[in-house]
Amino acid sequence: MTKLTAKDLDVLTHVLTGEEMACKKARIYANTLTDAALAQEMNRIACAHAERFSALCTLLEGGRS
């Protein structure tokens, strides 16, 4: 893989922060919602953000080599 530029790393860092915050917020919403279906959907959304966060971390780690 091509090495990531400083700009690439900066963008990835910002996107990682966004994914992390979205995951945390979705988990908070899931824990506070009283409607079980909505809470389940928020958990699904949180998992999707967590998966993207993980994939971006993997990309970031690979680009530093």
PDB file of N, CA and C in Angstrom:
ATOM      1  N   MET A   1       0.831  -1.175   0.000  1.00  0.00           N
ATOM      2  CA  MET A   1       0.000   0.000   0.000  1.00  0.00           C
ATOM      3  C   MET A   1       0.877   1.240   0.000  1.00  0.00           C
ATOM      4  N   THR A   2       0.410   2.269  -0.671  1.00  0.00           N
ATOM      5  CA  THR A   2       1.119   3.538  -0.706  1.00  0.00           C
ATOM      6  C   THR A   2       1.077   4.187   0.662  1.00  0.00           C
ATOM      7  N   LYS A   3       2.172   4.792   1.041  1.00  0.00           N
ATOM      8  CA  LYS A   3       2.206   5.486   2.332  1.00  0.00           C
ATOM      9  C   LYS A   3       1.222   6.651   2.310  1.00  0.00           C
ATOM     10  N   LEU A   4       0.606   6.883   3.445  1.00  0.00           N
ATOM     11  CA  LEU A   4      -0.349   7.974   3.561  1.00  0.00           C
ATOM     12  C   LEU A   4       0.386   9.288   3.772  1.00  0.00           C
ATOM     13  N   THR A   5      -0.137  10.336   3.169  1.00  0.00           N
ATOM     14  CA  THR A   5       0.446  11.659   3.344  1.00  0.00           C
ATOM     15  C   THR A   5      -0.023  12.237   4.680  1.00  0.00           C
ATOM     16  N   ALA A   6       0.577  13.351   5.061  1.00  0.00           N
ATOM     17  CA  ALA A   6       0.175  14.030   6.299  1.00  0.00           C
ATOM     18  C   ALA A   6      -1.286  14.461   6.206  1.00  0.00           C
ATOM     19  N   LYS A   7      -1.703  14.906   5.031  1.00  0.00           N
ATOM     20  CA  LYS A   7      -3.099  15.319   4.837  1.00  0.00           C
ATOM     21  C   LYS A   7      -4.031  14.116   4.976  1.00  0.00           C
ATOM     22  N   ASP A   8      -3.645  12.969   4.407  1.00  0.00           N
ATOM     23  CA  ASP A   8      -4.441  11.742   4.546  1.00  0.00           C
ATOM     24  C   ASP A   8      -4.611  11.372   6.018  1.00  0.00           C
ATOM     25  N   LEU A   9      -3.526  11.440   6.754  1.00  0.00           N
ATOM     26  CA  LEU A   9      -3.563  11.105   8.177  1.00  0.00           C
ATOM     27  C   LEU A   9      -4.453  12.076   8.947  1.00  0.00           C
ATOM     28  N   ASP A  10      -4.393  13.351   8.587  1.00  0.00           N
ATOM     29  CA  ASP A  10      -5.225  14.355   9.237  1.00  0.00           C
ATOM     30  C   ASP A  10      -6.709  14.086   8.977  1.00  0.00           C
ATOM     31  N   VAL A  11      -7.042  13.786   7.736  1.00  0.00           N
ATOM     32  CA  VAL A  11      -8.432  13.491   7.386  1.00  0.00           C
ATOM     33  C   VAL A  11      -8.908  12.228   8.102  1.00  0.00           C
ATOM     34  N   LEU A  12      -8.090  11.195   8.083  1.00  0.00           N
ATOM     35  CA  LEU A  12      -8.454   9.946   8.767  1.00  0.00           C
ATOM     36  C   LEU A  12      -8.659  10.161  10.260  1.00  0.00           C
ATOM     37  N   THR A  13      -7.825  10.966  10.861  1.00  0.00           N
ATOM     38  CA  THR A  13      -7.968  11.259  12.284  1.00  0.00           C
ATOM     39  C   THR A  13      -9.305  11.933  12.569  1.00  0.00           C
ATOM     40  N   HIS A  14      -9.682  12.879  11.728  1.00  0.00           N
ATOM     41  CA  HIS A  14     -10.965  13.565  11.907  1.00  0.00           C
ATOM     42  C   HIS A  14     -12.142  12.610  11.709  1.00  0.00           C
ATOM     43  N   VAL A  15     -12.053  11.758  10.720  1.00  0.00           N
ATOM     44  CA  VAL A  15     -13.137  10.800  10.457  1.00  0.00           C
ATOM     45  C   VAL A  15     -13.226   9.786  11.602  1.00  0.00           C
ATOM     46  N   LEU A  16     -12.081   9.351  12.096  1.00  0.00           N
ATOM     47  CA  LEU A  16     -12.070   8.430  13.246  1.00  0.00           C
ATOM     48  C   LEU A  16     -12.758   9.059  14.457  1.00  0.00           C
ATOM     49  N   THR A  17     -12.468  10.304  14.711  1.00  0.00           N
ATOM     50  CA  THR A  17     -13.097  11.002  15.828  1.00  0.00           C
ATOM     51  C   THR A  17     -14.610  11.051  15.642  1.00  0.00           C
ATOM     52  N   GLY A  18     -15.046  11.348  14.432  1.00  0.00           N
ATOM     53  CA  GLY A  18     -16.479  11.389  14.148  1.00  0.00           C
ATOM     54  C   GLY A  18     -17.153  10.047  14.333  1.00  0.00           C
ATOM     55  N   GLU A  19     -16.533   8.993  13.849  1.00  0.00           N
ATOM     56  CA  GLU A  19     -17.099   7.644  13.995  1.00  0.00           C
ATOM     57  C   GLU A  19     -17.159   7.244  15.471  1.00  0.00           C
ATOM     58  N   GLU A  20     -16.116   7.568  16.219  1.00  0.00           N
ATOM     59  CA  GLU A  20     -16.090   7.232  17.637  1.00  0.00           C
ATOM     60  C   GLU A  20     -17.211   7.952  18.387  1.00  0.00           C
ATOM     61  N   MET A  21     -17.368   9.239  18.111  1.00  0.00           N
ATOM     62  CA  MET A  21     -18.418  10.012  18.779  1.00  0.00           C
ATOM     63  C   MET A  21     -19.809   9.511  18.394  1.00  0.00           C
ATOM     64  N   ALA A  22     -20.007   9.199  17.126  1.00  0.00           N
ATOM     65  CA  ALA A  22     -21.311   8.703  16.674  1.00  0.00           C
ATOM     66  C   ALA A  22     -21.647   7.373  17.336  1.00  0.00           C
ATOM     67  N   CYS A  23     -20.653   6.519  17.485  1.00  0.00           N
ATOM     68  CA  CYS A  23     -20.856   5.232  18.147  1.00  0.00           C
ATOM     69  C   CYS A  23     -21.241   5.435  19.606  1.00  0.00           C
ATOM     70  N   LYS A  24     -20.506   6.294  20.293  1.00  0.00           N
ATOM     71  CA  LYS A  24     -20.793   6.552  21.702  1.00  0.00           C
ATOM     72  C   LYS A  24     -22.192   7.138  21.887  1.00  0.00           C
ATOM     73  N   LYS A  25     -22.565   8.088  21.037  1.00  0.00           N
ATOM     74  CA  LYS A  25     -23.887   8.709  21.141  1.00  0.00           C
ATOM     75  C   LYS A  25     -24.995   7.697  20.874  1.00  0.00           C
ATOM     76  N   ALA A  26     -24.809   6.855  19.862  1.00  0.00           N
ATOM     77  CA  ALA A  26     -25.814   5.842  19.550  1.00  0.00           C
ATOM     78  C   ALA A  26     -25.982   4.870  20.713  1.00  0.00           C
ATOM     79  N   ARG A  27     -24.879   4.511  21.360  1.00  0.00           N
ATOM     80  CA  ARG A  27     -24.967   3.610  22.528  1.00  0.00           C
ATOM     81  C   ARG A  27     -25.696   4.287  23.690  1.00  0.00           C
ATOM     82  N   ILE A  28     -25.427   5.564  23.894  1.00  0.00           N
ATOM     83  CA  ILE A  28     -26.131   6.308  24.947  1.00  0.00           C
ATOM     84  C   ILE A  28     -27.626   6.350  24.634  1.00  0.00           C
ATOM     85  N   TYR A  29     -27.959   6.667  23.394  1.00  0.00           N
ATOM     86  CA  TYR A  29     -29.373   6.711  23.007  1.00  0.00           C
ATOM     87  C   TYR A  29     -30.026   5.347  23.202  1.00  0.00           C
ATOM     88  N   ALA A  30     -29.323   4.292  22.812  1.00  0.00           N
ATOM     89  CA  ALA A  30     -29.872   2.936  22.950  1.00  0.00           C
ATOM     90  C   ALA A  30     -30.167   2.614  24.415  1.00  0.00           C
ATOM     91  N   ASN A  31     -29.317   3.096  25.306  1.00  0.00           N
ATOM     92  CA  ASN A  31     -29.495   2.818  26.729  1.00  0.00           C
ATOM     93  C   ASN A  31     -30.567   3.683  27.386  1.00  0.00           C
ATOM     94  N   THR A  32     -30.929   4.800  26.752  1.00  0.00           N
ATOM     95  CA  THR A  32     -31.921   5.686  27.356  1.00  0.00           C
ATOM     96  C   THR A  32     -33.303   5.567  26.723  1.00  0.00           C
ATOM     97  N   LEU A  33     -33.383   4.985  25.541  1.00  0.00           N
ATOM     98  CA  LEU A  33     -34.685   4.840  24.876  1.00  0.00           C
ATOM     99  C   LEU A  33     -35.543   3.803  25.589  1.00  0.00           C
ATOM    100  N   THR A  34     -36.822   4.094  25.693  1.00  0.00           N
ATOM    101  CA  THR A  34     -37.741   3.141  26.322  1.00  0.00           C
ATOM    102  C   THR A  34     -38.411   2.244  25.287  1.00  0.00           C
ATOM    103  N   ASP A  35     -38.418   2.653  24.042  1.00  0.00           N
ATOM    104  CA  ASP A  35     -38.978   1.840  22.959  1.00  0.00           C
ATOM    105  C   ASP A  35     -37.931   0.796  22.562  1.00  0.00           C
ATOM    106  N   ALA A  36     -38.250  -0.462  22.744  1.00  0.00           N
ATOM    107  CA  ALA A  36     -37.286  -1.545  22.493  1.00  0.00           C
ATOM    108  C   ALA A  36     -36.823  -1.588  21.041  1.00  0.00           C
ATOM    109  N   ALA A  37     -37.729  -1.333  20.108  1.00  0.00           N
ATOM    110  CA  ALA A  37     -37.362  -1.375  18.692  1.00  0.00           C
ATOM    111  C   ALA A  37     -36.381  -0.250  18.353  1.00  0.00           C
ATOM    112  N   LEU A  38     -36.625   0.933  18.890  1.00  0.00           N
ATOM    113  CA  LEU A  38     -35.709   2.048  18.645  1.00  0.00           C
ATOM    114  C   LEU A  38     -34.357   1.805  19.314  1.00  0.00           C
ATOM    115  N   ALA A  39     -34.380   1.261  20.512  1.00  0.00           N
ATOM    116  CA  ALA A  39     -33.136   0.954  21.204  1.00  0.00           C
ATOM    117  C   ALA A  39     -32.322  -0.068  20.421  1.00  0.00           C
ATOM    118  N   GLN A  40     -32.991  -1.059  19.871  1.00  0.00           N
ATOM    119  CA  GLN A  40     -32.304  -2.079  19.070  1.00  0.00           C
ATOM    120  C   GLN A  40     -31.701  -1.452  17.813  1.00  0.00           C
ATOM    121  N   GLU A  41     -32.439  -0.538  17.191  1.00  0.00           N
ATOM    122  CA  GLU A  41     -31.934   0.144  15.995  1.00  0.00           C
ATOM    123  C   GLU A  41     -30.715   1.005  16.342  1.00  0.00           C
ATOM    124  N   MET A  42     -30.754   1.672  17.479  1.00  0.00           N
ATOM    125  CA  MET A  42     -29.608   2.483  17.908  1.00  0.00           C
ATOM    126  C   MET A  42     -28.395   1.595  18.173  1.00  0.00           C
ATOM    127  N   ASN A  43     -28.604   0.411  18.730  1.00  0.00           N
ATOM    128  CA  ASN A  43     -27.497  -0.530  18.926  1.00  0.00           C
ATOM    129  C   ASN A  43     -26.926  -0.982  17.593  1.00  0.00           C
ATOM    130  N   ARG A  44     -27.802  -1.206  16.616  1.00  0.00           N
ATOM    131  CA  ARG A  44     -27.341  -1.596  15.280  1.00  0.00           C
ATOM    132  C   ARG A  44     -26.502  -0.478  14.665  1.00  0.00           C
ATOM    133  N   ILE A  45     -26.972   0.756  14.819  1.00  0.00           N
ATOM    134  CA  ILE A  45     -26.243   1.910  14.289  1.00  0.00           C
ATOM    135  C   ILE A  45     -24.893   2.055  14.995  1.00  0.00           C
ATOM    136  N   ALA A  46     -24.877   1.869  16.300  1.00  0.00           N
ATOM    137  CA  ALA A  46     -23.625   1.953  17.052  1.00  0.00           C
ATOM    138  C   ALA A  46     -22.629   0.912  16.561  1.00  0.00           C
ATOM    139  N   CYS A  47     -23.109  -0.291  16.303  1.00  0.00           N
ATOM    140  CA  CYS A  47     -22.232  -1.359  15.797  1.00  0.00           C
ATOM    141  C   CYS A  47     -21.668  -1.007  14.421  1.00  0.00           C
ATOM    142  N   ALA A  48     -22.487  -0.397  13.580  1.00  0.00           N
ATOM    143  CA  ALA A  48     -22.018   0.001  12.246  1.00  0.00           C
ATOM    144  C   ALA A  48     -20.916   1.054  12.369  1.00  0.00           C
ATOM    145  N   HIS A  49     -21.088   2.010  13.267  1.00  0.00           N
ATOM    146  CA  HIS A  49     -20.043   3.023  13.484  1.00  0.00           C
ATOM    147  C   HIS A  49     -18.778   2.379  14.045  1.00  0.00           C
ATOM    148  N   ALA A  50     -18.931   1.430  14.956  1.00  0.00           N
ATOM    149  CA  ALA A  50     -17.781   0.744  15.537  1.00  0.00           C
ATOM    150  C   ALA A  50     -17.017  -0.041  14.464  1.00  0.00           C
ATOM    151  N   GLU A  51     -17.740  -0.661  13.544  1.00  0.00           N
ATOM    152  CA  GLU A  51     -17.087  -1.411  12.464  1.00  0.00           C
ATOM    153  C   GLU A  51     -16.307  -0.471  11.544  1.00  0.00           C
ATOM    154  N   ARG A  52     -16.896   0.687  11.215  1.00  0.00           N
ATOM    155  CA  ARG A  52     -16.187   1.658  10.376  1.00  0.00           C
ATOM    156  C   ARG A  52     -14.960   2.194  11.113  1.00  0.00           C
ATOM    157  N   PHE A  53     -15.099   2.451  12.413  1.00  0.00           N
ATOM    158  CA  PHE A  53     -13.965   2.914  13.219  1.00  0.00           C
ATOM    159  C   PHE A  53     -12.831   1.896  13.152  1.00  0.00           C
ATOM    160  N   SER A  54     -13.168   0.639  13.333  1.00  0.00           N
ATOM    161  CA  SER A  54     -12.169  -0.424  13.298  1.00  0.00           C
ATOM    162  C   SER A  54     -11.496  -0.519  11.926  1.00  0.00           C
ATOM    163  N   ALA A  55     -12.292  -0.422  10.869  1.00  0.00           N
ATOM    164  CA  ALA A  55     -11.739  -0.493   9.512  1.00  0.00           C
ATOM    165  C   ALA A  55     -10.805   0.685   9.247  1.00  0.00           C
ATOM    166  N   LEU A  56     -11.181   1.867   9.718  1.00  0.00           N
ATOM    167  CA  LEU A  56     -10.323   3.034   9.540  1.00  0.00           C
ATOM    168  C   LEU A  56      -9.025   2.901  10.345  1.00  0.00           C
ATOM    169  N   CYS A  57      -9.119   2.346  11.527  1.00  0.00           N
ATOM    170  CA  CYS A  57      -7.902   2.112  12.338  1.00  0.00           C
ATOM    171  C   CYS A  57      -6.961   1.161  11.607  1.00  0.00           C
ATOM    172  N   THR A  58      -7.507   0.135  11.022  1.00  0.00           N
ATOM    173  CA  THR A  58      -6.704  -0.826  10.268  1.00  0.00           C
ATOM    174  C   THR A  58      -6.031  -0.130   9.093  1.00  0.00           C
ATOM    175  N   LEU A  59      -6.775   0.723   8.383  1.00  0.00           N
ATOM    176  CA  LEU A  59      -6.215   1.474   7.263  1.00  0.00           C
ATOM    177  C   LEU A  59      -5.111   2.400   7.753  1.00  0.00           C
ATOM    178  N   LEU A  60      -5.352   3.057   8.854  1.00  0.00           N
ATOM    179  CA  LEU A  60      -4.377   3.988   9.403  1.00  0.00           C
ATOM    180  C   LEU A  60      -3.099   3.259   9.819  1.00  0.00           C
ATOM    181  N   GLU A  61      -3.229   2.124  10.468  1.00  0.00           N
ATOM    182  CA  GLU A  61      -2.067   1.350  10.884  1.00  0.00           C
ATOM    183  C   GLU A  61      -1.282   0.841   9.688  1.00  0.00           C
ATOM    184  N   GLY A  62      -1.979   0.460   8.621  1.00  0.00           N
ATOM    185  CA  GLY A  62      -1.301  -0.017   7.420  1.00  0.00           C
ATOM    186  C   GLY A  62      -0.593   1.085   6.672  1.00  0.00           C
ATOM    187  N   GLY A  63      -1.104   2.305   6.757  1.00  0.00           N
ATOM    188  CA  GLY A  63      -0.508   3.420   6.046  1.00  0.00           C
ATOM    189  C   GLY A  63       0.703   4.012   6.714  1.00  0.00           C
ATOM    190  N   ARG A  64       0.953   3.641   7.946  1.00  0.00           N
ATOM    191  CA  ARG A  64       2.100   4.180   8.680  1.00  0.00           C
ATOM    192  C   ARG A  64       3.373   3.394   8.442  1.00  0.00           C
ATOM    193  N   SER A  65       3.237   2.228   7.826  1.00  0.00           N
ATOM    194  CA  SER A  65       4.436   1.400   7.648  1.00  0.00           C
ATOM    195  C   SER A  65       5.316   1.890   6.526  1.00  0.00           C
TER     196      SER A  65
END
